Amino acid sequence: LGGGSSPTSSSALISQAFDSYATGTSSSGQRIFLRFVDLKGFAGDLRDAMPKKRRPQAHEFAAVLEICFDDTAQLQSNLGVRVGSGLTLQFFQVFIQKAMNRLGLQIASVLFEVLAQHDDE
């Protein structure tokens, strides 16, 4: 395939990001990505991974991610998935796609950079 932007590679990178950042656990024992704890760490790393010339102000960036997170959490709840204030892997994928689209970013390239930075910590 090549190019690094195939659905498989994006999906694999999103799963890796979820595994790296999701610290919550639902009452049923399912791993979840939490709004306040996990989103903050992920947002900082994501913003740092963006090219400086395209990097939005921190508060604007956080607002975009929070809106995308809240919209996705509402969708998850509307579809009957109740896990408190977090996202399951399936809905984390929706969140990432929404956020990257809103920010005008390529999922695979940015997540690759985010995960590389996260591994260095």
Foldseek 3Di string as FASTA:
>chain_A
DDPQQDPVNLLVLLVVLQVLQFDDAFPVRATWHADPRRLVVLLVLLLVLDDPVLRDDSVVSNVLLNVLLVVLVVVCVVVPNDGDRTHGSVSSSVSLVSSCVVSVHRSRSSSVSSVVVSVVD
